[in-house]
Amino acid sequence: MVPEPFTLEPCESYSKDDIDEYAAIFKRVSTEAYEKPELVQNAPHNAPIHKVSAPAVNEPERIVVTWRQWLKKKEKK
């Protein structure tokens, strides 16, 4: 969880300090991407789940996009 996520929206206004901090973070990520590409490719490092395993995503019997699909799959069981 990010306590105060910072996503730029055209209808919102941020202070110059907030935008400078946002730009500094992007600059740091860009520098890391050029100097240590494996660091950025293996991100995120502090998240509870690092990567989604492909088999779990590619199992059609487990994928449910809508509530109606979930109900139908529940009835079949």
PDB file of N, CA and C in Angstrom:
ATOM      1  N   MET A   1       0.821  -1.174   0.000  1.00  0.00           N
ATOM      2  CA  MET A   1       0.000   0.000   0.000  1.00  0.00           C
ATOM      3  C   MET A   1       0.870   1.244   0.000  1.00  0.00           C
ATOM      4  N   VAL A   2       0.530   2.152  -0.850  1.00  0.00           N
ATOM      5  CA  VAL A   2       1.214   3.431  -0.890  1.00  0.00           C
ATOM      6  C   VAL A   2       0.329   4.429  -0.151  1.00  0.00           C
ATOM      7  N   PRO A   3       0.819   5.058   0.916  1.00  0.00           N
ATOM      8  CA  PRO A   3      -0.044   5.938   1.699  1.00  0.00           C
ATOM      9  C   PRO A   3      -0.609   7.109   0.907  1.00  0.00           C
ATOM     10  N   GLU A   4       0.186   7.723   0.081  1.00  0.00           N
ATOM     11  CA  GLU A   4      -0.290   8.833  -0.738  1.00  0.00           C
ATOM     12  C   GLU A   4       0.262   8.682  -2.149  1.00  0.00           C
ATOM     13  N   PRO A   5      -0.373   7.839  -2.971  1.00  0.00           N
ATOM     14  CA  PRO A   5       0.158   7.645  -4.324  1.00  0.00           C
ATOM     15  C   PRO A   5       0.112   8.944  -5.107  1.00  0.00           C
ATOM     16  N   PHE A   6       1.107   9.145  -5.927  1.00  0.00           N
ATOM     17  CA  PHE A   6       1.227  10.383  -6.690  1.00  0.00           C
ATOM     18  C   PHE A   6       1.086  10.056  -8.161  1.00  0.00           C
ATOM     19  N   THR A   7      -0.092  10.249  -8.673  1.00  0.00           N
ATOM     20  CA  THR A   7      -0.325  10.055 -10.095  1.00  0.00           C
ATOM     21  C   THR A   7      -0.771  11.386 -10.673  1.00  0.00           C
ATOM     22  N   LEU A   8      -0.108  11.792 -11.713  1.00  0.00           N
ATOM     23  CA  LEU A   8      -0.420  13.093 -12.314  1.00  0.00           C
ATOM     24  C   LEU A   8      -1.736  13.023 -13.065  1.00  0.00           C
ATOM     25  N   GLU A   9      -2.627  13.917 -12.730  1.00  0.00           N
ATOM     26  CA  GLU A   9      -3.910  14.034 -13.410  1.00  0.00           C
ATOM     27  C   GLU A   9      -4.023  15.469 -13.928  1.00  0.00           C
ATOM     28  N   PRO A  10      -4.543  15.650 -15.124  1.00  0.00           N
ATOM     29  CA  PRO A  10      -4.602  16.998 -15.687  1.00  0.00           C
ATOM     30  C   PRO A  10      -5.506  17.951 -14.899  1.00  0.00           C
ATOM     31  N   CYS A  11      -6.467  17.416 -14.153  1.00  0.00           N
ATOM     32  CA  CYS A  11      -7.389  18.302 -13.443  1.00  0.00           C
ATOM     33  C   CYS A  11      -6.902  18.644 -12.031  1.00  0.00           C
ATOM     34  N   GLU A  12      -5.810  18.058 -11.596  1.00  0.00           N
ATOM     35  CA  GLU A  12      -5.305  18.335 -10.259  1.00  0.00           C
ATOM     36  C   GLU A  12      -4.086  19.236 -10.344  1.00  0.00           C
ATOM     37  N   SER A  13      -3.838  19.962  -9.287  1.00  0.00           N
ATOM     38  CA  SER A  13      -2.644  20.796  -9.271  1.00  0.00           C
ATOM     39  C   SER A  13      -1.761  20.389  -8.099  1.00  0.00           C
ATOM     40  N   TYR A  14      -0.496  20.281  -8.368  1.00  0.00           N
ATOM     41  CA  TYR A  14       0.492  19.902  -7.367  1.00  0.00           C
ATOM     42  C   TYR A  14       1.470  21.053  -7.197  1.00  0.00           C
ATOM     43  N   SER A  15       2.139  21.049  -6.068  1.00  0.00           N
ATOM     44  CA  SER A  15       3.132  22.093  -5.842  1.00  0.00           C
ATOM     45  C   SER A  15       4.368  21.805  -6.686  1.00  0.00           C
ATOM     46  N   LYS A  16       5.180  22.812  -6.874  1.00  0.00           N
ATOM     47  CA  LYS A  16       6.417  22.638  -7.631  1.00  0.00           C
ATOM     48  C   LYS A  16       7.319  21.628  -6.937  1.00  0.00           C
ATOM     49  N   ASP A  17       7.342  21.613  -5.606  1.00  0.00           N
ATOM     50  CA  ASP A  17       8.162  20.648  -4.864  1.00  0.00           C
ATOM     51  C   ASP A  17       7.714  19.216  -5.135  1.00  0.00           C
ATOM     52  N   ASP A  18       6.408  18.991  -5.187  1.00  0.00           N
ATOM     53  CA  ASP A  18       5.894  17.652  -5.480  1.00  0.00           C
ATOM     54  C   ASP A  18       6.305  17.196  -6.876  1.00  0.00           C
ATOM     55  N   ILE A  19       6.176  18.090  -7.841  1.00  0.00           N
ATOM     56  CA  ILE A  19       6.532  17.747  -9.219  1.00  0.00           C
ATOM     57  C   ILE A  19       8.038  17.536  -9.347  1.00  0.00           C
ATOM     58  N   ASP A  20       8.834  18.333  -8.651  1.00  0.00           N
ATOM     59  CA  ASP A  20      10.290  18.147  -8.664  1.00  0.00           C
ATOM     60  C   ASP A  20      10.673  16.795  -8.073  1.00  0.00           C
ATOM     61  N   GLU A  21      10.000  16.401  -6.994  1.00  0.00           N
ATOM     62  CA  GLU A  21      10.275  15.090  -6.389  1.00  0.00           C
ATOM     63  C   GLU A  21       9.905  13.972  -7.355  1.00  0.00           C
ATOM     64  N   TYR A  22       8.762  14.112  -8.018  1.00  0.00           N
ATOM     65  CA  TYR A  22       8.300  13.130  -8.998  1.00  0.00           C
ATOM     66  C   TYR A  22       9.309  13.000 -10.147  1.00  0.00           C
ATOM     67  N   ALA A  23       9.782  14.121 -10.647  1.00  0.00           N
ATOM     68  CA  ALA A  23      10.765  14.119 -11.736  1.00  0.00           C
ATOM     69  C   ALA A  23      12.080  13.504 -11.267  1.00  0.00           C
ATOM     70  N   ALA A  24      12.497  13.776 -10.032  1.00  0.00           N
ATOM     71  CA  ALA A  24      13.740  13.202  -9.499  1.00  0.00           C
ATOM     72  C   ALA A  24      13.648  11.685  -9.400  1.00  0.00           C
ATOM     73  N   ILE A  25      12.474  11.178  -9.044  1.00  0.00           N
ATOM     74  CA  ILE A  25      12.303   9.723  -8.970  1.00  0.00           C
ATOM     75  C   ILE A  25      12.425   9.108 -10.355  1.00  0.00           C
ATOM     76  N   PHE A  26      11.787   9.724 -11.357  1.00  0.00           N
ATOM     77  CA  PHE A  26      11.909   9.205 -12.718  1.00  0.00           C
ATOM     78  C   PHE A  26      13.350   9.275 -13.215  1.00  0.00           C
ATOM     79  N   LYS A  27      14.047  10.325 -12.871  1.00  0.00           N
ATOM     80  CA  LYS A  27      15.454  10.456 -13.267  1.00  0.00           C
ATOM     81  C   LYS A  27      16.281   9.338 -12.634  1.00  0.00           C
ATOM     82  N   ARG A  28      16.021   9.043 -11.358  1.00  0.00           N
ATOM     83  CA  ARG A  28      16.747   7.978 -10.668  1.00  0.00           C
ATOM     84  C   ARG A  28      16.467   6.618 -11.308  1.00  0.00           C
ATOM     85  N   VAL A  29      15.206   6.351 -11.630  1.00  0.00           N
ATOM     86  CA  VAL A  29      14.854   5.082 -12.278  1.00  0.00           C
ATOM     87  C   VAL A  29      15.517   4.992 -13.645  1.00  0.00           C
ATOM     88  N   SER A  30      15.535   6.088 -14.385  1.00  0.00           N
ATOM     89  CA  SER A  30      16.172   6.098 -15.696  1.00  0.00           C
ATOM     90  C   SER A  30      17.667   5.827 -15.584  1.00  0.00           C
ATOM     91  N   THR A  31      18.321   6.470 -14.622  1.00  0.00           N
ATOM     92  CA  THR A  31      19.756   6.254 -14.416  1.00  0.00           C
ATOM     93  C   THR A  31      20.030   4.806 -14.044  1.00  0.00           C
ATOM     94  N   GLU A  32      19.210   4.250 -13.141  1.00  0.00           N
ATOM     95  CA  GLU A  32      19.386   2.842 -12.748  1.00  0.00           C
ATOM     96  C   GLU A  32      19.174   1.917 -13.936  1.00  0.00           C
ATOM     97  N   ALA A  33      18.216   2.243 -14.798  1.00  0.00           N
ATOM     98  CA  ALA A  33      17.930   1.399 -15.960  1.00  0.00           C
ATOM     99  C   ALA A  33      19.131   1.325 -16.900  1.00  0.00           C
ATOM    100  N   TYR A  34      19.861   2.417 -17.035  1.00  0.00           N
ATOM    101  CA  TYR A  34      21.034   2.415 -17.903  1.00  0.00           C
ATOM    102  C   TYR A  34      22.251   1.799 -17.221  1.00  0.00           C
ATOM    103  N   GLU A  35      22.433   2.075 -15.944  1.00  0.00           N
ATOM    104  CA  GLU A  35      23.627   1.593 -15.250  1.00  0.00           C
ATOM    105  C   GLU A  35      23.496   0.149 -14.773  1.00  0.00           C
ATOM    106  N   LYS A  36      22.339  -0.224 -14.285  1.00  0.00           N
ATOM    107  CA  LYS A  36      22.104  -1.579 -13.768  1.00  0.00           C
ATOM    108  C   LYS A  36      20.757  -2.071 -14.278  1.00  0.00           C
ATOM    109  N   PRO A  37      20.656  -2.484 -15.535  1.00  0.00           N
ATOM    110  CA  PRO A  37      19.356  -2.874 -16.089  1.00  0.00           C
ATOM    111  C   PRO A  37      18.692  -4.024 -15.334  1.00  0.00           C
ATOM    112  N   GLU A  38      19.480  -4.935 -14.785  1.00  0.00           N
ATOM    113  CA  GLU A  38      18.889  -6.071 -14.064  1.00  0.00           C
ATOM    114  C   GLU A  38      18.145  -5.612 -12.808  1.00  0.00           C
ATOM    115  N   LEU A  39      18.575  -4.518 -12.231  1.00  0.00           N
ATOM    116  CA  LEU A  39      17.915  -3.978 -11.043  1.00  0.00           C
ATOM    117  C   LEU A  39      16.483  -3.546 -11.372  1.00  0.00           C
ATOM    118  N   VAL A  40      16.318  -2.870 -12.488  1.00  0.00           N
ATOM    119  CA  VAL A  40      14.996  -2.386 -12.884  1.00  0.00           C
ATOM    120  C   VAL A  40      14.148  -3.535 -13.435  1.00  0.00           C
ATOM    121  N   GLN A  41      14.766  -4.453 -14.167  1.00  0.00           N
ATOM    122  CA  GLN A  41      14.021  -5.569 -14.754  1.00  0.00           C
ATOM    123  C   GLN A  41      13.464  -6.495 -13.687  1.00  0.00           C
ATOM    124  N   ASN A  42      14.112  -6.584 -12.545  1.00  0.00           N
ATOM    125  CA  ASN A  42      13.657  -7.467 -11.476  1.00  0.00           C
ATOM    126  C   ASN A  42      12.819  -6.749 -10.428  1.00  0.00           C
ATOM    127  N   ALA A  43      12.467  -5.501 -10.675  1.00  0.00           N
ATOM    128  CA  ALA A  43      11.650  -4.731  -9.728  1.00  0.00           C
ATOM    129  C   ALA A  43      10.222  -5.276  -9.732  1.00  0.00           C
ATOM    130  N   PRO A  44       9.464  -5.111  -8.738  1.00  0.00           N
ATOM    131  CA  PRO A  44       9.698  -4.401  -7.486  1.00  0.00           C
ATOM    132  C   PRO A  44      10.459  -5.271  -6.491  1.00  0.00           C
ATOM    133  N   HIS A  45      11.175  -4.628  -5.597  1.00  0.00           N
ATOM    134  CA  HIS A  45      12.003  -5.359  -4.643  1.00  0.00           C
ATOM    135  C   HIS A  45      11.383  -5.427  -3.256  1.00  0.00           C
ATOM    136  N   ASN A  46      10.502  -4.508  -2.923  1.00  0.00           N
ATOM    137  CA  ASN A  46       9.925  -4.463  -1.582  1.00  0.00           C
ATOM    138  C   ASN A  46       8.454  -4.850  -1.544  1.00  0.00           C
ATOM    139  N   ALA A  47       7.924  -5.378  -2.615  1.00  0.00           N
ATOM    140  CA  ALA A  47       6.520  -5.756  -2.652  1.00  0.00           C
ATOM    141  C   ALA A  47       6.338  -7.157  -2.075  1.00  0.00           C
ATOM    142  N   PRO A  48       5.179  -7.444  -1.492  1.00  0.00           N
ATOM    143  CA  PRO A  48       4.964  -8.779  -0.941  1.00  0.00           C
ATOM    144  C   PRO A  48       4.943  -9.852  -2.027  1.00  0.00           C
ATOM    145  N   ILE A  49       4.488  -9.501  -3.241  1.00  0.00           N
ATOM    146  CA  ILE A  49       4.496 -10.442  -4.360  1.00  0.00           C
ATOM    147  C   ILE A  49       5.349  -9.816  -5.447  1.00  0.00           C
ATOM    148  N   HIS A  50       6.406 -10.506  -5.837  1.00  0.00           N
ATOM    149  CA  HIS A  50       7.319  -9.929  -6.819  1.00  0.00           C
ATOM    150  C   HIS A  50       6.840 -10.134  -8.244  1.00  0.00           C
ATOM    151  N   LYS A  51       6.452 -11.325  -8.559  1.00  0.00           N
ATOM    152  CA  LYS A  51       6.015 -11.608  -9.921  1.00  0.00           C
ATOM    153  C   LYS A  51       4.851 -12.591  -9.872  1.00  0.00           C
ATOM    154  N   VAL A  52       3.989 -12.496 -10.845  1.00  0.00           N
ATOM    155  CA  VAL A  52       2.880 -13.438 -10.940  1.00  0.00           C
ATOM    156  C   VAL A  52       3.371 -14.633 -11.732  1.00  0.00           C
ATOM    157  N   SER A  53       3.165 -15.823 -11.187  1.00  0.00           N
ATOM    158  CA  SER A  53       3.618 -16.998 -11.916  1.00  0.00           C
ATOM    159  C   SER A  53       2.724 -17.201 -13.130  1.00  0.00           C
ATOM    160  N   ALA A  54       3.329 -17.474 -14.249  1.00  0.00           N
ATOM    161  CA  ALA A  54       2.600 -17.615 -15.512  1.00  0.00           C
ATOM    162  C   ALA A  54       1.560 -18.732 -15.486  1.00  0.00           C
ATOM    163  N   PRO A  55       1.847 -19.901 -14.902  1.00  0.00           N
ATOM    164  CA  PRO A  55       0.828 -20.957 -14.919  1.00  0.00           C
ATOM    165  C   PRO A  55      -0.484 -20.538 -14.263  1.00  0.00           C
ATOM    166  N   ALA A  56      -0.424 -19.789 -13.180  1.00  0.00           N
ATOM    167  CA  ALA A  56      -1.655 -19.366 -12.506  1.00  0.00           C
ATOM    168  C   ALA A  56      -2.471 -18.420 -13.380  1.00  0.00           C
ATOM    169  N   VAL A  57      -1.807 -17.618 -14.186  1.00  0.00           N
ATOM    170  CA  VAL A  57      -2.505 -16.661 -15.039  1.00  0.00           C
ATOM    171  C   VAL A  57      -3.085 -17.351 -16.268  1.00  0.00           C
ATOM    172  N   ASN A  58      -2.430 -18.386 -16.740  1.00  0.00           N
ATOM    173  CA  ASN A  58      -2.822 -19.027 -17.987  1.00  0.00           C
ATOM    174  C   ASN A  58      -3.750 -20.225 -17.815  1.00  0.00           C
ATOM    175  N   GLU A  59      -4.337 -20.414 -16.654  1.00  0.00           N
ATOM    176  CA  GLU A  59      -5.261 -21.521 -16.446  1.00  0.00           C
ATOM    177  C   GLU A  59      -6.683 -21.026 -16.672  1.00  0.00           C
ATOM    178  N   PRO A  60      -7.291 -21.353 -17.815  1.00  0.00           N
ATOM    179  CA  PRO A  60      -8.622 -20.828 -18.139  1.00  0.00           C
ATOM    180  C   PRO A  60      -9.680 -21.169 -17.098  1.00  0.00           C
ATOM    181  N   GLU A  61      -9.559 -22.307 -16.459  1.00  0.00           N
ATOM    182  CA  GLU A  61     -10.580 -22.679 -15.470  1.00  0.00           C
ATOM    183  C   GLU A  61     -10.527 -21.804 -14.223  1.00  0.00           C
ATOM    184  N   ARG A  62      -9.427 -21.092 -14.016  1.00  0.00           N
ATOM    185  CA  ARG A  62      -9.301 -20.225 -12.855  1.00  0.00           C
ATOM    186  C   ARG A  62      -9.572 -18.756 -13.175  1.00  0.00           C
ATOM    187  N   ILE A  63      -9.633 -18.413 -14.453  1.00  0.00           N
ATOM    188  CA  ILE A  63      -9.822 -17.014 -14.842  1.00  0.00           C
ATOM    189  C   ILE A  63     -11.304 -16.678 -14.848  1.00  0.00           C
ATOM    190  N   VAL A  64     -11.667 -15.634 -14.122  1.00  0.00           N
ATOM    191  CA  VAL A  64     -13.033 -15.151 -14.074  1.00  0.00           C
ATOM    192  C   VAL A  64     -12.982 -13.636 -14.189  1.00  0.00           C
ATOM    193  N   VAL A  65     -13.553 -13.118 -15.259  1.00  0.00           N
ATOM    194  CA  VAL A  65     -13.491 -11.688 -15.520  1.00  0.00           C
ATOM    195  C   VAL A  65     -14.727 -10.959 -14.993  1.00  0.00           C
ATOM    196  N   THR A  66     -15.874 -11.618 -15.051  1.00  0.00           N
ATOM    197  CA  THR A  66     -17.107 -10.978 -14.609  1.00  0.00           C
ATOM    198  C   THR A  66     -17.776 -11.788 -13.514  1.00  0.00           C
ATOM    199  N   TRP A  67     -18.693 -11.150 -12.826  1.00  0.00           N
ATOM    200  CA  TRP A  67     -19.454 -11.815 -11.763  1.00  0.00           C
ATOM    201  C   TRP A  67     -20.290 -12.957 -12.354  1.00  0.00           C
ATOM    202  N   ARG A  68     -20.844 -12.737 -13.523  1.00  0.00           N
ATOM    203  CA  ARG A  68     -21.655 -13.770 -14.181  1.00  0.00           C
ATOM    204  C   ARG A  68     -20.816 -15.015 -14.470  1.00  0.00           C
ATOM    205  N   GLN A  69     -19.584 -14.823 -14.935  1.00  0.00           N
ATOM    206  CA  GLN A  69     -18.700 -15.974 -15.178  1.00  0.00           C
ATOM    207  C   GLN A  69     -18.419 -16.720 -13.877  1.00  0.00           C
ATOM    208  N   TRP A  70     -18.198 -15.967 -12.816  1.00  0.00           N
ATOM    209  CA  TRP A  70     -17.900 -16.593 -11.534  1.00  0.00           C
ATOM    210  C   TRP A  70     -19.079 -17.455 -11.074  1.00  0.00           C
ATOM    211  N   LEU A  71     -20.285 -16.921 -11.233  1.00  0.00           N
ATOM    212  CA  LEU A  71     -21.471 -17.681 -10.841  1.00  0.00           C
ATOM    213  C   LEU A  71     -21.611 -18.962 -11.662  1.00  0.00           C
ATOM    214  N   LYS A  72     -21.373 -18.871 -12.971  1.00  0.00           N
ATOM    215  CA  LYS A  72     -21.468 -20.058 -13.828  1.00  0.00           C
ATOM    216  C   LYS A  72     -20.437 -21.111 -13.425  1.00  0.00           C
ATOM    217  N   LYS A  73     -19.211 -20.682 -13.147  1.00  0.00           N
ATOM    218  CA  LYS A  73     -18.172 -21.636 -12.760  1.00  0.00           C
ATOM    219  C   LYS A  73     -18.474 -22.235 -11.399  1.00  0.00           C
ATOM    220  N   LYS A  74     -19.069 -21.457 -10.529  1.00  0.00           N
ATOM    221  CA  LYS A  74     -19.429 -21.937  -9.193  1.00  0.00           C
ATOM    222  C   LYS A  74     -20.523 -23.007  -9.326  1.00  0.00           C
ATOM    223  N   GLU A  75     -21.488 -22.805 -10.228  1.00  0.00           N
ATOM    224  CA  GLU A  75     -22.574 -23.775 -10.427  1.00  0.00           C
ATOM    225  C   GLU A  75     -22.054 -25.098 -10.978  1.00  0.00           C
ATOM    226  N   LYS A  76     -21.021 -25.057 -11.815  1.00  0.00           N
ATOM    227  CA  LYS A  76     -20.478 -26.276 -12.427  1.00  0.00           C
ATOM    228  C   LYS A  76     -19.783 -27.163 -11.400  1.00  0.00           C
ATOM    229  N   LYS A  77     -19.290 -26.551 -10.318  1.00  0.00           N
ATOM    230  CA  LYS A  77     -18.548 -27.335  -9.317  1.00  0.00           C
ATOM    231  C   LYS A  77     -19.464 -28.151  -8.523  1.00  0.00           C
TER     232      LYS A  77
END
